[in-house]
Amino acid sequence: MSASEIRRFLDAQRTLVLTTLRKDGSPVAHALWFVRRGDALYVNTRQGSLKARNILADARVCALIDAGERYFELAGVRVEGRCRVVQDPALQVLVQAAQGEKDQRLGSGMEEMPAWFQASRSRRLERGARVILEIPMERVYSWDFAKLRDRYAPAAPAQETRP
């Protein structure tokens, strides 16, 4: 995908899988909602979460965002880099605003949740400090299998011409 195609793809997706490293170096994957702002991806998590603790110990991460159910629908982006906790209050506000805009565009993902679950989720979000993690798009890899259909399609047989 081109850079603009990558941006459009990321802006249309809700969930990424963030792989962090445990203290022993083994990977662990976390599914998270995210937002892209500029050349970085952002996720919001509880400060004491495993992912936040892992990133403080070793900032190397891999984020995978993919879509598609059938072969020629498969598309995705993999971002590798060093994650950091966003400390700047002004950037935190900008990221939260970007997430709000994305929720307006795609829907919040919470529309069909029963009221009891939304109340429970609100309590969980308020429990403990939250942090915003920034994943710079240092190394970006992408794929779009829809493009393979034309690339590898057999050439059309030549038409015979008669004099």
Protein backbone atom coordinates (compact mmCIF):
# COMPACT_ATOMS: atom_id res chain seq x y z
CA MET A 1 0.00 0.00 0.00
CA SER A 2 1.09 3.55 -0.56
CA ALA A 3 1.46 5.93 2.40
CA SER A 4 -1.97 7.47 1.71
CA GLU A 5 -3.56 4.01 1.39
CA ILE A 6 -2.01 3.03 4.73
CA ARG A 7 -3.42 6.14 6.40
CA ARG A 8 -6.89 5.50 4.95
CA PHE A 9 -6.75 1.84 5.99
CA LEU A 10 -5.68 2.65 9.56
CA ASP A 11 -8.32 5.36 9.90
CA ALA A 12 -11.03 2.84 8.92
CA GLN A 13 -10.03 0.19 11.50
CA ARG A 14 -10.92 0.07 15.18
CA THR A 15 -8.71 -2.63 16.69
CA LEU A 16 -5.03 -3.41 16.69
CA VAL A 17 -3.11 -6.26 18.28
CA LEU A 18 -0.18 -4.86 20.24
CA THR A 19 2.62 -7.27 21.02
CA THR A 20 4.81 -6.37 23.98
CA LEU A 21 7.65 -8.27 25.63
CA ARG A 22 7.54 -9.79 29.09
CA LYS A 23 10.55 -9.49 31.39
CA ASP A 24 11.76 -12.90 30.19
CA GLY A 25 11.58 -11.68 26.57
CA SER A 26 8.55 -13.75 25.60
CA PRO A 27 5.88 -11.93 23.57
CA VAL A 28 2.34 -11.27 24.70
CA ALA A 29 -0.42 -9.88 22.46
CA HIS A 30 -3.10 -7.39 23.53
CA ALA A 31 -6.17 -6.41 21.49
CA LEU A 32 -6.87 -2.68 21.84
CA TRP A 33 -8.87 0.06 20.20
CA PHE A 34 -6.58 2.69 18.70
CA VAL A 35 -6.44 5.96 16.86
CA ARG A 36 -3.88 7.24 14.33
CA ARG A 37 -2.69 10.81 14.60
CA GLY A 38 0.03 11.87 12.20
CA ASP A 39 2.75 9.22 12.05
CA ALA A 40 1.86 7.48 15.30
CA LEU A 41 -0.77 5.14 16.70
CA TYR A 42 -2.22 5.72 20.16
CA VAL A 43 -3.93 3.42 22.65
CA ASN A 44 -5.42 4.13 26.04
CA THR A 45 -4.90 1.65 28.88
CA ARG A 46 -4.78 1.37 32.65
CA GLN A 47 -1.44 2.57 34.03
CA GLY A 48 -0.79 -0.68 35.92
CA SER A 49 -1.81 -2.99 33.07
CA LEU A 50 0.52 -5.72 31.86
CA LYS A 51 1.04 -3.93 28.55
CA ALA A 52 1.99 -0.66 30.28
CA ARG A 53 4.37 -2.45 32.65
CA ASN A 54 5.95 -4.39 29.77
CA ILE A 55 6.50 -1.20 27.76
CA LEU A 56 8.16 0.54 30.70
CA ALA A 57 10.57 -2.41 30.96
CA ASP A 58 11.14 -2.82 27.19
CA ALA A 59 9.66 -0.28 24.78
CA ARG A 60 9.93 -2.49 21.67
CA VAL A 61 6.49 -3.30 20.28
CA CYS A 62 4.76 -4.60 17.20
CA ALA A 63 1.22 -3.51 16.29
CA LEU A 64 -0.83 -5.46 13.78
CA ILE A 65 -3.98 -4.13 12.17
CA ASP A 66 -5.70 -6.40 9.66
CA ALA A 67 -9.00 -6.81 7.88
CA GLY A 68 -10.71 -9.19 5.47
CA GLU A 69 -12.32 -12.61 5.58
CA ARG A 70 -11.59 -13.99 2.11
CA TYR A 71 -8.18 -14.27 0.49
CA PHE A 72 -8.50 -11.36 -1.94
CA GLU A 73 -9.97 -9.18 0.85
CA LEU A 74 -6.98 -9.57 3.18
CA ALA A 75 -5.21 -6.32 3.93
CA GLY A 76 -3.19 -5.07 6.83
CA VAL A 77 -0.47 -2.98 8.34
CA ARG A 78 2.28 -3.98 10.75
CA VAL A 79 4.02 -1.23 12.72
CA GLU A 80 7.23 -1.88 14.62
CA GLY A 81 8.81 0.63 16.93
CA ARG A 82 9.50 1.80 20.44
CA CYS A 83 6.42 2.70 22.41
CA ARG A 84 6.29 5.49 24.95
CA VAL A 85 3.87 6.87 27.51
CA VAL A 86 2.47 10.25 26.43
CA GLN A 87 3.35 12.72 29.19
CA ASP A 88 2.43 15.97 27.43
CA PRO A 89 -1.09 17.06 28.55
CA ALA A 90 -1.65 18.99 25.29
CA LEU A 91 -0.89 15.87 23.21
CA GLN A 92 -3.16 13.79 25.47
CA VAL A 93 -6.02 16.20 24.70
CA LEU A 94 -5.30 16.03 20.95
CA VAL A 95 -5.25 12.21 21.01
CA GLN A 96 -8.51 12.05 22.97
CA ALA A 97 -10.09 14.46 20.48
CA ALA A 98 -8.86 12.30 17.58
CA GLN A 99 -10.40 9.24 19.25
CA GLY A 100 -13.68 11.13 19.66
CA GLU A 101 -13.65 12.07 15.97
CA LYS A 102 -12.96 8.45 15.02
CA ASP A 103 -15.83 7.28 17.24
CA GLN A 104 -18.13 9.78 15.50
CA ARG A 105 -17.02 8.50 12.10
CA LEU A 106 -17.04 4.74 12.79
CA GLY A 107 -19.37 4.58 15.77
CA SER A 108 -18.15 4.07 19.32
CA GLY A 109 -18.38 0.29 19.19
CA MET A 110 -20.55 0.48 22.30
CA GLU A 111 -23.92 1.29 20.69
CA GLU A 112 -25.49 -2.13 21.28
CA MET A 113 -24.12 -2.71 24.77
CA PRO A 114 -26.73 -3.10 27.51
CA ALA A 115 -26.89 -0.29 30.07
CA TRP A 116 -25.58 -2.53 32.86
CA PHE A 117 -22.43 -3.29 30.83
CA GLN A 118 -21.85 0.36 29.93
CA ALA A 119 -22.11 1.29 33.63
CA SER A 120 -19.68 -1.49 34.55
CA ARG A 121 -17.26 -0.38 31.82
CA SER A 122 -17.43 3.23 33.01
CA ARG A 123 -16.52 2.12 36.54
CA ARG A 124 -13.59 0.08 35.20
CA LEU A 125 -12.33 3.04 33.15
CA GLU A 126 -12.46 5.27 36.23
CA ARG A 127 -10.61 2.72 38.38
CA GLY A 128 -6.92 3.59 38.53
CA ALA A 129 -4.89 5.98 36.47
CA ARG A 130 -5.02 5.76 32.68
CA VAL A 131 -2.15 6.29 30.27
CA ILE A 132 -2.00 6.96 26.57
CA LEU A 133 0.68 4.98 24.78
CA GLU A 134 2.25 6.26 21.57
CA ILE A 135 3.46 3.80 18.95
CA PRO A 136 5.59 5.71 16.44
CA MET A 137 5.33 4.37 12.91
CA GLU A 138 9.08 3.75 12.71
CA ARG A 139 8.91 0.64 10.54
CA VAL A 140 5.72 0.05 8.57
CA TYR A 141 4.85 -2.97 6.45
CA SER A 142 1.59 -3.39 4.58
CA TRP A 143 -0.26 -5.79 2.32
CA ASP A 144 -3.41 -5.72 0.21
CA PHE A 145 -4.21 -9.06 -1.39
CA ALA A 146 -6.85 -7.43 -3.61
CA LYS A 147 -3.91 -6.12 -5.63
CA LEU A 148 -2.61 -9.66 -6.14
CA ARG A 149 -5.58 -10.69 -8.23
CA ASP A 150 -4.51 -8.47 -11.13
CA ARG A 151 -0.78 -8.88 -10.60
CA TYR A 152 -0.77 -12.67 -10.86
CA ALA A 153 -3.73 -13.19 -13.19
CA PRO A 154 -2.78 -15.12 -16.31
CA ALA A 155 -2.39 -13.07 -19.41
CA ALA A 156 -5.35 -13.19 -21.75
CA PRO A 157 -4.73 -15.47 -24.71
CA ALA A 158 -3.76 -13.68 -27.88
CA GLN A 159 -6.56 -13.29 -30.38
CA GLU A 160 -6.01 -14.89 -33.76
CA THR A 161 -6.21 -12.51 -36.65
CA ARG A 162 -7.23 -13.78 -40.05
CA PRO A 163 -6.13 -12.15 -43.27
